[in-house]
Amino acid sequence: MELCPNNRFVDHDQLPLMPQPWTRTPEAPSPQTYGLTKPIYDFDELLSLIPLKRTKIFELIRDGKLQKTKCGRRTIFLAQDVAAFLWQLQQGNL
């Protein structure tokens, strides 16, 4: 048990498990395999890397197939998440 900010004790064993639609695959190659040289990409950079339309990228994010990270109001994509997506795409798992 731990004390939460609202001063209530929470037993983590009693919390419902949230489904995780997206998980990193340990066998996915490194970002350098796909020519990803930066650690972080913004949305426009991702569009230049992946030849898909904006609506398709939003659909992949919504379906949990492409992991995004929020930094304040900005949406960014970690290179390892982009590499994992490209690997899944290459394997035909999407």
PDB file of N, CA and C in Angstrom:
ATOM      1  N   MET A   1       0.833  -1.184   0.000  1.00  0.00           N
ATOM      2  CA  MET A   1       0.000   0.000   0.000  1.00  0.00           C
ATOM      3  C   MET A   1       0.874   1.243   0.000  1.00  0.00           C
ATOM      4  N   GLU A   2       0.345   2.275  -0.637  1.00  0.00           N
ATOM      5  CA  GLU A   2       1.061   3.537  -0.628  1.00  0.00           C
ATOM      6  C   GLU A   2       0.066   4.678  -0.478  1.00  0.00           C
ATOM      7  N   LEU A   3       0.558   5.790   0.002  1.00  0.00           N
ATOM      8  CA  LEU A   3      -0.274   6.956   0.206  1.00  0.00           C
ATOM      9  C   LEU A   3      -0.311   7.765  -1.080  1.00  0.00           C
ATOM     10  N   CYS A   4      -1.504   7.968  -1.611  1.00  0.00           N
ATOM     11  CA  CYS A   4      -1.679   8.737  -2.840  1.00  0.00           C
ATOM     12  C   CYS A   4      -1.808  10.215  -2.509  1.00  0.00           C
ATOM     13  N   PRO A   5      -1.726  11.097  -3.514  1.00  0.00           N
ATOM     14  CA  PRO A   5      -1.806  12.533  -3.259  1.00  0.00           C
ATOM     15  C   PRO A   5      -3.079  12.978  -2.549  1.00  0.00           C
ATOM     16  N   ASN A   6      -4.182  12.256  -2.709  1.00  0.00           N
ATOM     17  CA  ASN A   6      -5.410  12.646  -2.031  1.00  0.00           C
ATOM     18  C   ASN A   6      -5.510  12.034  -0.631  1.00  0.00           C
ATOM     19  N   ASN A   7      -4.378  11.585  -0.086  1.00  0.00           N
ATOM     20  CA  ASN A   7      -4.252  11.042   1.265  1.00  0.00           C
ATOM     21  C   ASN A   7      -5.078   9.781   1.492  1.00  0.00           C
ATOM     22  N   ARG A   8      -5.284   9.005   0.467  1.00  0.00           N
ATOM     23  CA  ARG A   8      -5.932   7.710   0.609  1.00  0.00           C
ATOM     24  C   ARG A   8      -4.900   6.629   0.345  1.00  0.00           C
ATOM     25  N   PHE A   9      -5.057   5.530   1.022  1.00  0.00           N
ATOM     26  CA  PHE A   9      -4.170   4.414   0.781  1.00  0.00           C
ATOM     27  C   PHE A   9      -4.721   3.586  -0.382  1.00  0.00           C
ATOM     28  N   VAL A  10      -3.836   3.183  -1.246  1.00  0.00           N
ATOM     29  CA  VAL A  10      -4.232   2.404  -2.407  1.00  0.00           C
ATOM     30  C   VAL A  10      -3.489   1.084  -2.361  1.00  0.00           C
ATOM     31  N   ASP A  11      -4.236   0.008  -2.459  1.00  0.00           N
ATOM     32  CA  ASP A  11      -3.648  -1.323  -2.545  1.00  0.00           C
ATOM     33  C   ASP A  11      -3.575  -1.680  -4.029  1.00  0.00           C
ATOM     34  N   HIS A  12      -2.368  -1.755  -4.558  1.00  0.00           N
ATOM     35  CA  HIS A  12      -2.189  -1.980  -5.984  1.00  0.00           C
ATOM     36  C   HIS A  12      -2.697  -3.335  -6.433  1.00  0.00           C
ATOM     37  N   ASP A  13      -2.814  -4.290  -5.531  1.00  0.00           N
ATOM     38  CA  ASP A  13      -3.329  -5.602  -5.905  1.00  0.00           C
ATOM     39  C   ASP A  13      -4.817  -5.562  -6.211  1.00  0.00           C
ATOM     40  N   GLN A  14      -5.514  -4.554  -5.708  1.00  0.00           N
ATOM     41  CA  GLN A  14      -6.961  -4.463  -5.913  1.00  0.00           C
ATOM     42  C   GLN A  14      -7.322  -3.569  -7.097  1.00  0.00           C
ATOM     43  N   LEU A  15      -6.358  -2.907  -7.705  1.00  0.00           N
ATOM     44  CA  LEU A  15      -6.638  -2.061  -8.849  1.00  0.00           C
ATOM     45  C   LEU A  15      -6.857  -2.916 -10.084  1.00  0.00           C
ATOM     46  N   PRO A  16      -7.801  -2.538 -10.949  1.00  0.00           N
ATOM     47  CA  PRO A  16      -7.988  -3.314 -12.180  1.00  0.00           C
ATOM     48  C   PRO A  16      -6.804  -3.113 -13.110  1.00  0.00           C
ATOM     49  N   LEU A  17      -6.476  -4.146 -13.830  1.00  0.00           N
ATOM     50  CA  LEU A  17      -5.374  -4.068 -14.789  1.00  0.00           C
ATOM     51  C   LEU A  17      -5.858  -3.364 -16.041  1.00  0.00           C
ATOM     52  N   MET A  18      -5.088  -2.401 -16.495  1.00  0.00           N
ATOM     53  CA  MET A  18      -5.419  -1.686 -17.713  1.00  0.00           C
ATOM     54  C   MET A  18      -4.829  -2.457 -18.891  1.00  0.00           C
ATOM     55  N   PRO A  19      -5.601  -2.630 -19.954  1.00  0.00           N
ATOM     56  CA  PRO A  19      -5.042  -3.338 -21.112  1.00  0.00           C
ATOM     57  C   PRO A  19      -3.949  -2.513 -21.762  1.00  0.00           C
ATOM     58  N   GLN A  20      -2.922  -3.185 -22.190  1.00  0.00           N
ATOM     59  CA  GLN A  20      -1.817  -2.538 -22.872  1.00  0.00           C
ATOM     60  C   GLN A  20      -1.849  -2.985 -24.324  1.00  0.00           C
ATOM     61  N   PRO A  21      -2.436  -2.167 -25.219  1.00  0.00           N
ATOM     62  CA  PRO A  21      -2.548  -2.610 -26.603  1.00  0.00           C
ATOM     63  C   PRO A  21      -1.211  -2.666 -27.323  1.00  0.00           C
ATOM     64  N   TRP A  22      -0.253  -1.927 -26.827  1.00  0.00           N
ATOM     65  CA  TRP A  22       1.030  -1.849 -27.506  1.00  0.00           C
ATOM     66  C   TRP A  22       2.123  -2.219 -26.534  1.00  0.00           C
ATOM     67  N   THR A  23       2.981  -3.101 -26.939  1.00  0.00           N
ATOM     68  CA  THR A  23       4.133  -3.447 -26.115  1.00  0.00           C
ATOM     69  C   THR A  23       5.367  -3.476 -26.992  1.00  0.00           C
ATOM     70  N   ARG A  24       6.462  -3.063 -26.437  1.00  0.00           N
ATOM     71  CA  ARG A  24       7.726  -3.127 -27.180  1.00  0.00           C
ATOM     72  C   ARG A  24       8.139  -4.580 -27.325  1.00  0.00           C
ATOM     73  N   THR A  25       8.626  -4.897 -28.472  1.00  0.00           N
ATOM     74  CA  THR A  25       9.069  -6.256 -28.703  1.00  0.00           C
ATOM     75  C   THR A  25      10.566  -6.326 -28.493  1.00  0.00           C
ATOM     76  N   PRO A  26      11.028  -7.245 -27.656  1.00  0.00           N
ATOM     77  CA  PRO A  26      12.461  -7.310 -27.371  1.00  0.00           C
ATOM     78  C   PRO A  26      13.295  -7.682 -28.581  1.00  0.00           C
ATOM     79  N   GLU A  27      12.689  -8.363 -29.558  1.00  0.00           N
ATOM     80  CA  GLU A  27      13.472  -8.776 -30.711  1.00  0.00           C
ATOM     81  C   GLU A  27      13.523  -7.715 -31.801  1.00  0.00           C
ATOM     82  N   ALA A  28      12.877  -6.572 -31.593  1.00  0.00           N
ATOM     83  CA  ALA A  28      12.907  -5.499 -32.587  1.00  0.00           C
ATOM     84  C   ALA A  28      14.341  -4.962 -32.700  1.00  0.00           C
ATOM     85  N   PRO A  29      14.778  -4.687 -33.917  1.00  0.00           N
ATOM     86  CA  PRO A  29      16.137  -4.179 -34.104  1.00  0.00           C
ATOM     87  C   PRO A  29      16.282  -2.750 -33.580  1.00  0.00           C
ATOM     88  N   SER A  30      17.490  -2.304 -33.500  1.00  0.00           N
ATOM     89  CA  SER A  30      17.762  -0.964 -32.984  1.00  0.00           C
ATOM     90  C   SER A  30      17.291   0.082 -33.998  1.00  0.00           C
ATOM     91  N   PRO A  31      17.053   1.309 -33.546  1.00  0.00           N
ATOM     92  CA  PRO A  31      16.632   2.372 -34.467  1.00  0.00           C
ATOM     93  C   PRO A  31      17.626   2.621 -35.591  1.00  0.00           C
ATOM     94  N   GLN A  32      18.903   2.405 -35.348  1.00  0.00           N
ATOM     95  CA  GLN A  32      19.911   2.631 -36.381  1.00  0.00           C
ATOM     96  C   GLN A  32      19.721   1.694 -37.573  1.00  0.00           C
ATOM     97  N   THR A  33      19.104   0.542 -37.355  1.00  0.00           N
ATOM     98  CA  THR A  33      18.837  -0.400 -38.433  1.00  0.00           C
ATOM     99  C   THR A  33      17.963   0.239 -39.512  1.00  0.00           C
ATOM    100  N   TYR A  34      17.059   1.113 -39.090  1.00  0.00           N
ATOM    101  CA  TYR A  34      16.136   1.773 -40.012  1.00  0.00           C
ATOM    102  C   TYR A  34      16.594   3.181 -40.377  1.00  0.00           C
ATOM    103  N   GLY A  35      17.818   3.525 -40.056  1.00  0.00           N
ATOM    104  CA  GLY A  35      18.346   4.838 -40.407  1.00  0.00           C
ATOM    105  C   GLY A  35      17.865   5.961 -39.513  1.00  0.00           C
ATOM    106  N   LEU A  36      17.367   5.615 -38.334  1.00  0.00           N
ATOM    107  CA  LEU A  36      16.901   6.627 -37.392  1.00  0.00           C
ATOM    108  C   LEU A  36      18.101   7.107 -36.577  1.00  0.00           C
ATOM    109  N   THR A  37      18.520   8.319 -36.837  1.00  0.00           N
ATOM    110  CA  THR A  37      19.734   8.826 -36.204  1.00  0.00           C
ATOM    111  C   THR A  37      19.457   9.699 -34.997  1.00  0.00           C
ATOM    112  N   LYS A  38      18.243  10.230 -34.891  1.00  0.00           N
ATOM    113  CA  LYS A  38      17.890  11.078 -33.758  1.00  0.00           C
ATOM    114  C   LYS A  38      17.147  10.249 -32.715  1.00  0.00           C
ATOM    115  N   PRO A  39      17.216  10.617 -31.449  1.00  0.00           N
ATOM    116  CA  PRO A  39      16.490   9.850 -30.430  1.00  0.00           C
ATOM    117  C   PRO A  39      14.995  10.159 -30.401  1.00  0.00           C
ATOM    118  N   ILE A  40      14.602  11.353 -30.882  1.00  0.00           N
ATOM    119  CA  ILE A  40      13.212  11.793 -30.820  1.00  0.00           C
ATOM    120  C   ILE A  40      12.833  12.439 -32.138  1.00  0.00           C
ATOM    121  N   TYR A  41      11.600  12.173 -32.585  1.00  0.00           N
ATOM    122  CA  TYR A  41      11.070  12.757 -33.814  1.00  0.00           C
ATOM    123  C   TYR A  41       9.736  13.421 -33.515  1.00  0.00           C
ATOM    124  N   ASP A  42       9.497  14.585 -34.141  1.00  0.00           N
ATOM    125  CA  ASP A  42       8.183  15.192 -33.996  1.00  0.00           C
ATOM    126  C   ASP A  42       7.285  14.670 -35.117  1.00  0.00           C
ATOM    127  N   PHE A  43       6.037  15.149 -35.134  1.00  0.00           N
ATOM    128  CA  PHE A  43       5.059  14.591 -36.063  1.00  0.00           C
ATOM    129  C   PHE A  43       5.462  14.822 -37.518  1.00  0.00           C
ATOM    130  N   ASP A  44       5.907  16.018 -37.841  1.00  0.00           N
ATOM    131  CA  ASP A  44       6.280  16.311 -39.230  1.00  0.00           C
ATOM    132  C   ASP A  44       7.492  15.491 -39.672  1.00  0.00           C
ATOM    133  N   GLU A  45       8.440  15.281 -38.776  1.00  0.00           N
ATOM    134  CA  GLU A  45       9.598  14.445 -39.110  1.00  0.00           C
ATOM    135  C   GLU A  45       9.166  12.998 -39.333  1.00  0.00           C
ATOM    136  N   LEU A  46       8.201  12.547 -38.528  1.00  0.00           N
ATOM    137  CA  LEU A  46       7.697  11.182 -38.703  1.00  0.00           C
ATOM    138  C   LEU A  46       7.033  11.031 -40.066  1.00  0.00           C
ATOM    139  N   LEU A  47       6.284  12.049 -40.490  1.00  0.00           N
ATOM    140  CA  LEU A  47       5.640  12.002 -41.804  1.00  0.00           C
ATOM    141  C   LEU A  47       6.662  11.925 -42.937  1.00  0.00           C
ATOM    142  N   SER A  48       7.829  12.545 -42.732  1.00  0.00           N
ATOM    143  CA  SER A  48       8.863  12.458 -43.766  1.00  0.00           C
ATOM    144  C   SER A  48       9.559  11.090 -43.755  1.00  0.00           C
ATOM    145  N   LEU A  49       9.541  10.399 -42.620  1.00  0.00           N
ATOM    146  CA  LEU A  49      10.156   9.071 -42.526  1.00  0.00           C
ATOM    147  C   LEU A  49       9.248   7.959 -43.034  1.00  0.00           C
ATOM    148  N   ILE A  50       7.961   8.072 -42.708  1.00  0.00           N
ATOM    149  CA  ILE A  50       6.994   7.027 -43.039  1.00  0.00           C
ATOM    150  C   ILE A  50       6.044   7.583 -44.096  1.00  0.00           C
ATOM    151  N   PRO A  51       6.002   6.995 -45.267  1.00  0.00           N
ATOM    152  CA  PRO A  51       5.171   7.553 -46.347  1.00  0.00           C
ATOM    153  C   PRO A  51       3.686   7.245 -46.186  1.00  0.00           C
ATOM    154  N   LEU A  52       3.094   7.763 -45.113  1.00  0.00           N
ATOM    155  CA  LEU A  52       1.672   7.592 -44.853  1.00  0.00           C
ATOM    156  C   LEU A  52       1.041   8.964 -44.655  1.00  0.00           C
ATOM    157  N   LYS A  53      -0.261   9.032 -44.827  1.00  0.00           N
ATOM    158  CA  LYS A  53      -0.992  10.278 -44.614  1.00  0.00           C
ATOM    159  C   LYS A  53      -1.184  10.522 -43.118  1.00  0.00           C
ATOM    160  N   ARG A  54      -1.434  11.780 -42.770  1.00  0.00           N
ATOM    161  CA  ARG A  54      -1.635  12.160 -41.368  1.00  0.00           C
ATOM    162  C   ARG A  54      -2.767  11.358 -40.728  1.00  0.00           C
ATOM    163  N   THR A  55      -3.855  11.186 -41.463  1.00  0.00           N
ATOM    164  CA  THR A  55      -5.004  10.469 -40.894  1.00  0.00           C
ATOM    165  C   THR A  55      -4.652   9.020 -40.586  1.00  0.00           C
ATOM    166  N   LYS A  56      -3.826   8.401 -41.417  1.00  0.00           N
ATOM    167  CA  LYS A  56      -3.410   7.011 -41.160  1.00  0.00           C
ATOM    168  C   LYS A  56      -2.513   6.942 -39.920  1.00  0.00           C
ATOM    169  N   ILE A  57      -1.628   7.932 -39.753  1.00  0.00           N
ATOM    170  CA  ILE A  57      -0.776   7.970 -38.564  1.00  0.00           C
ATOM    171  C   ILE A  57      -1.642   8.096 -37.312  1.00  0.00           C
ATOM    172  N   PHE A  58      -2.645   8.979 -37.356  1.00  0.00           N
ATOM    173  CA  PHE A  58      -3.548   9.137 -36.204  1.00  0.00           C
ATOM    174  C   PHE A  58      -4.316   7.847 -35.936  1.00  0.00           C
ATOM    175  N   GLU A  59      -4.702   7.146 -36.981  1.00  0.00           N
ATOM    176  CA  GLU A  59      -5.406   5.875 -36.826  1.00  0.00           C
ATOM    177  C   GLU A  59      -4.503   4.833 -36.168  1.00  0.00           C
ATOM    178  N   LEU A  60      -3.247   4.771 -36.591  1.00  0.00           N
ATOM    179  CA  LEU A  60      -2.301   3.821 -35.993  1.00  0.00           C
ATOM    180  C   LEU A  60      -2.064   4.140 -34.523  1.00  0.00           C
ATOM    181  N   ILE A  61      -2.004   5.418 -34.188  1.00  0.00           N
ATOM    182  CA  ILE A  61      -1.839   5.816 -32.785  1.00  0.00           C
ATOM    183  C   ILE A  61      -3.070   5.413 -31.988  1.00  0.00           C
ATOM    184  N   ARG A  62      -4.254   5.712 -32.531  1.00  0.00           N
ATOM    185  CA  ARG A  62      -5.504   5.387 -31.838  1.00  0.00           C
ATOM    186  C   ARG A  62      -5.642   3.887 -31.603  1.00  0.00           C
ATOM    187  N   ASP A  63      -5.233   3.081 -32.576  1.00  0.00           N
ATOM    188  CA  ASP A  63      -5.342   1.625 -32.462  1.00  0.00           C
ATOM    189  C   ASP A  63      -4.233   1.011 -31.622  1.00  0.00           C
ATOM    190  N   GLY A  64      -3.275   1.832 -31.170  1.00  0.00           N
ATOM    191  CA  GLY A  64      -2.203   1.332 -30.316  1.00  0.00           C
ATOM    192  C   GLY A  64      -1.084   0.647 -31.085  1.00  0.00           C
ATOM    193  N   LYS A  65      -1.024   0.852 -32.389  1.00  0.00           N
ATOM    194  CA  LYS A  65       0.010   0.206 -33.194  1.00  0.00           C
ATOM    195  C   LYS A  65       1.271   1.052 -33.318  1.00  0.00           C
ATOM    196  N   LEU A  66       1.135   2.345 -33.054  1.00  0.00           N
ATOM    197  CA  LEU A  66       2.269   3.255 -33.063  1.00  0.00           C
ATOM    198  C   LEU A  66       2.236   4.036 -31.761  1.00  0.00           C
ATOM    199  N   GLN A  67       3.296   3.947 -31.007  1.00  0.00           N
ATOM    200  CA  GLN A  67       3.354   4.573 -29.686  1.00  0.00           C
ATOM    201  C   GLN A  67       3.788   6.030 -29.810  1.00  0.00           C
ATOM    202  N   LYS A  68       3.033   6.908 -29.174  1.00  0.00           N
ATOM    203  CA  LYS A  68       3.408   8.324 -29.108  1.00  0.00           C
ATOM    204  C   LYS A  68       3.758   8.663 -27.670  1.00  0.00           C
ATOM    205  N   THR A  69       4.447   9.766 -27.496  1.00  0.00           N
ATOM    206  CA  THR A  69       4.792  10.269 -26.180  1.00  0.00           C
ATOM    207  C   THR A  69       4.431  11.740 -26.153  1.00  0.00           C
ATOM    208  N   LYS A  70       3.809  12.170 -25.079  1.00  0.00           N
ATOM    209  CA  LYS A  70       3.454  13.583 -24.938  1.00  0.00           C
ATOM    210  C   LYS A  70       4.517  14.262 -24.094  1.00  0.00           C
ATOM    211  N   CYS A  71       4.927  15.424 -24.538  1.00  0.00           N
ATOM    212  CA  CYS A  71       5.856  16.263 -23.795  1.00  0.00           C
ATOM    213  C   CYS A  71       5.195  17.639 -23.736  1.00  0.00           C
ATOM    214  N   GLY A  72       4.484  17.875 -22.658  1.00  0.00           N
ATOM    215  CA  GLY A  72       3.670  19.075 -22.587  1.00  0.00           C
ATOM    216  C   GLY A  72       2.529  18.938 -23.576  1.00  0.00           C
ATOM    217  N   ARG A  73       2.421  19.882 -24.487  1.00  0.00           N
ATOM    218  CA  ARG A  73       1.379  19.835 -25.514  1.00  0.00           C
ATOM    219  C   ARG A  73       1.867  19.188 -26.805  1.00  0.00           C
ATOM    220  N   ARG A  74       3.136  18.923 -26.891  1.00  0.00           N
ATOM    221  CA  ARG A  74       3.716  18.362 -28.110  1.00  0.00           C
ATOM    222  C   ARG A  74       3.622  16.845 -28.122  1.00  0.00           C
ATOM    223  N   THR A  75       3.413  16.316 -29.298  1.00  0.00           N
ATOM    224  CA  THR A  75       3.438  14.871 -29.505  1.00  0.00           C
ATOM    225  C   THR A  75       4.771  14.529 -30.151  1.00  0.00           C
ATOM    226  N   ILE A  76       5.501  13.639 -29.501  1.00  0.00           N
ATOM    227  CA  ILE A  76       6.792  13.217 -30.029  1.00  0.00           C
ATOM    228  C   ILE A  76       6.799  11.696 -30.143  1.00  0.00           C
ATOM    229  N   PHE A  77       7.737  11.213 -30.913  1.00  0.00           N
ATOM    230  CA  PHE A  77       7.882   9.779 -31.137  1.00  0.00           C
ATOM    231  C   PHE A  77       9.324   9.397 -30.840  1.00  0.00           C
ATOM    232  N   LEU A  78       9.510   8.465 -29.923  1.00  0.00           N
ATOM    233  CA  LEU A  78      10.844   7.978 -29.603  1.00  0.00           C
ATOM    234  C   LEU A  78      11.331   7.081 -30.738  1.00  0.00           C
ATOM    235  N   ALA A  79      12.612   7.171 -31.026  1.00  0.00           N
ATOM    236  CA  ALA A  79      13.179   6.396 -32.129  1.00  0.00           C
ATOM    237  C   ALA A  79      12.960   4.904 -31.921  1.00  0.00           C
ATOM    238  N   GLN A  80      13.051   4.429 -30.688  1.00  0.00           N
ATOM    239  CA  GLN A  80      12.852   3.001 -30.447  1.00  0.00           C
ATOM    240  C   GLN A  80      11.405   2.590 -30.709  1.00  0.00           C
ATOM    241  N   ASP A  81      10.440   3.504 -30.476  1.00  0.00           N
ATOM    242  CA  ASP A  81       9.044   3.203 -30.772  1.00  0.00           C
ATOM    243  C   ASP A  81       8.794   3.177 -32.281  1.00  0.00           C
ATOM    244  N   VAL A  82       9.412   4.090 -33.003  1.00  0.00           N
ATOM    245  CA  VAL A  82       9.287   4.110 -34.464  1.00  0.00           C
ATOM    246  C   VAL A  82       9.932   2.854 -35.046  1.00  0.00           C
ATOM    247  N   ALA A  83      11.090   2.466 -34.515  1.00  0.00           N
ATOM    248  CA  ALA A  83      11.757   1.249 -34.995  1.00  0.00           C
ATOM    249  C   ALA A  83      10.900   0.018 -34.713  1.00  0.00           C
ATOM    250  N   ALA A  84      10.267  -0.039 -33.553  1.00  0.00           N
ATOM    251  CA  ALA A  84       9.399  -1.172 -33.229  1.00  0.00           C
ATOM    252  C   ALA A  84       8.204  -1.223 -34.179  1.00  0.00           C
ATOM    253  N   PHE A  85       7.644  -0.055 -34.510  1.00  0.00           N
ATOM    254  CA  PHE A  85       6.540  -0.011 -35.468  1.00  0.00           C
ATOM    255  C   PHE A  85       6.997  -0.490 -36.841  1.00  0.00           C
ATOM    256  N   LEU A  86       8.141  -0.006 -37.312  1.00  0.00           N
ATOM    257  CA  LEU A  86       8.646  -0.414 -38.624  1.00  0.00           C
ATOM    258  C   LEU A  86       8.955  -1.902 -38.657  1.00  0.00           C
ATOM    259  N   TRP A  87       9.457  -2.433 -37.558  1.00  0.00           N
ATOM    260  CA  TRP A  87       9.750  -3.865 -37.489  1.00  0.00           C
ATOM    261  C   TRP A  87       8.464  -4.682 -37.573  1.00  0.00           C
ATOM    262  N   GLN A  88       7.421  -4.247 -36.830  1.00  0.00           N
ATOM    263  CA  GLN A  88       6.120  -4.935 -36.886  1.00  0.00           C
ATOM    264  C   GLN A  88       5.550  -4.869 -38.294  1.00  0.00           C
ATOM    265  N   LEU A  89       5.714  -3.713 -38.942  1.00  0.00           N
ATOM    266  CA  LEU A  89       5.228  -3.556 -40.311  1.00  0.00           C
ATOM    267  C   LEU A  89       5.980  -4.504 -41.254  1.00  0.00           C
ATOM    268  N   GLN A  90       7.294  -4.617 -41.066  1.00  0.00           N
ATOM    269  CA  GLN A  90       8.115  -5.497 -41.885  1.00  0.00           C
ATOM    270  C   GLN A  90       7.744  -6.956 -41.673  1.00  0.00           C
ATOM    271  N   GLN A  91       7.393  -7.312 -40.443  1.00  0.00           N
ATOM    272  CA  GLN A  91       7.033  -8.692 -40.123  1.00  0.00           C
ATOM    273  C   GLN A  91       5.622  -9.039 -40.599  1.00  0.00           C
ATOM    274  N   GLY A  92       4.842  -8.020 -40.980  1.00  0.00           N
ATOM    275  CA  GLY A  92       3.478  -8.262 -41.421  1.00  0.00           C
ATOM    276  C   GLY A  92       2.499  -8.437 -40.282  1.00  0.00           C
ATOM    277  N   ASN A  93       2.830  -7.901 -39.112  1.00  0.00           N
ATOM    278  CA  ASN A  93       1.975  -8.044 -37.933  1.00  0.00           C
ATOM    279  C   ASN A  93       1.005  -6.896 -37.754  1.00  0.00           C
ATOM    280  N   LEU A  94       0.907  -6.010 -38.727  1.00  0.00           N
ATOM    281  CA  LEU A  94      -0.027  -4.877 -38.584  1.00  0.00           C
ATOM    282  C   LEU A  94      -1.188  -5.025 -39.518  1.00  0.00           C
TER     283      LEU A  94
END
